[in-house]
Amino acid sequence: MSISQNSYLGRGVLAQLADVIRRASPRSVFLVKSPGAYKASGAEPLVEKALAGLETISFDSFTPNPKWSDIMVALELLRKNSCDLILAVGGGSAIDIGKMVSFLALQPSAPETYLQAGVRPAEPVIPLVAIPTTAGSGSEATHFAVVYYEGKKYSVAHEDILPRYCLVDSSLTDSLPPLWSAASGLDAFCQAVESMWAVQSDDESTACSRKAIALAFDQLAVASTSPTQASRDAMCEASHLAGKAINISKTTACHALSYTMTSMLGIPHGHAVAMTLGAVMAYNYGVGEDDCNDPRGCEHVRARIDEILQLLGTTDIEEGRERIDSLIESTGLTTSLTAIGITGAEALEELADGVNAERLGNNPRKFTRDGILSMLQELQSRSHPGES
């Protein structure tokens, strides 16, 4: 990476924001803040104190899953005020908007140009400080940002998108409601698991994944239902480690399958990803020489999944799948496709047709559309507690 990141991780580290800002020496600051979370998390007084005496332009007019129009409004506001430091406080959407504005602000070409893969910036980026208020996306540790342009999801990736600084303060997650804790925590868990078997994984990403899986598997249920400081601390660390892992490896089929589920039914992203995690794990474990995407071979893929199973406390693939389902249900969320509104063949067809093909290439076992549909049909047919 051309940008080296200065990371602060731990309860109370937001108190160091003033020092970070002094190091950056800005003339003016562009503050991107999640509506609601900026105050509810407890970030507001600490951030305002750190920004005292500095010209600050605030932007919070956006919705989850950032739209291109939101980014263009933010970009125009920043350029009009010539801010030279960006501070993003909130969930993944706030941080992604901060990333895109940081990346685009000084570039001479039309902003849409940079939606194309491989287009490099001609000018430097504006430094970004990322402060997450959820424990899930790990966006503060990645060099890509999600944006929706004309209804289509893009993942804009470039080494310069990585935030210059990040402060991961677990106290900011203490007020998260149960649904947010569960969905964001499942996102972190799924990122870590997918990273383990991803084609682009390496030793560094795998080390981060192992620790993130262990932390989340141990603490996610507590953080979602009866949170303690220790569980909040653990999930923030898991989220950050999972972000560092996918920053190297990217995600795989579970994420590819999740986007239509979220856009079609409004299922929170982390929950949508988790719905297929066990099924994809079982599918990937059946990899053979004829359908292996990973150049390291099918034995390598199975060895990685065996490591995941060990972290889940088992050596059996079906039992591992059941433990994933149990983890999801222990957060108060369902594992049933029927329960979230995916019923009948037509819904499964729509889900299969909406898969992000780019992420399927990073999945260790090749998928065909028929393979996806067959897996979803099997998942739909599985019995779940409370269903007849």
Foldseek 3Di string as FASTA:
>chain_A
DVFDAAEAAEAPCLLCLLVVCVVLVWQAEEEQEEVPLCVLLPVVVSVCVSCPPHHYHYDHPADPQAAPVSLVVSLVVCLVVVTQEYEFEEAQRSLLSSLLSQQPNPAPDDSVVQLDPPDDGPDAGRAYEYEYLALAQLNQQAQWHWYAYPNRITIRGDPRSRHRYYYYHLSSNPSPALVRLLLRLLNLLQLLLQLLLWLQFDPQLVVLSLQLNLLSLPQSLCCRPPDDSVSSSSSNSSSNSSSNNCNRRPGAQLQQLQPCVCVVQVDRRSLSSLLCSLLLLVVLLPADPVFFLHPVHSVSSNVSSCSSQVSLPHRDSVVSSVSSQVSSVSSVDHSAPVVSPQDDLVSLLSSLVRGDVVRNSRRGGHDDSVNSSVSVVVSNPDDDPPDD
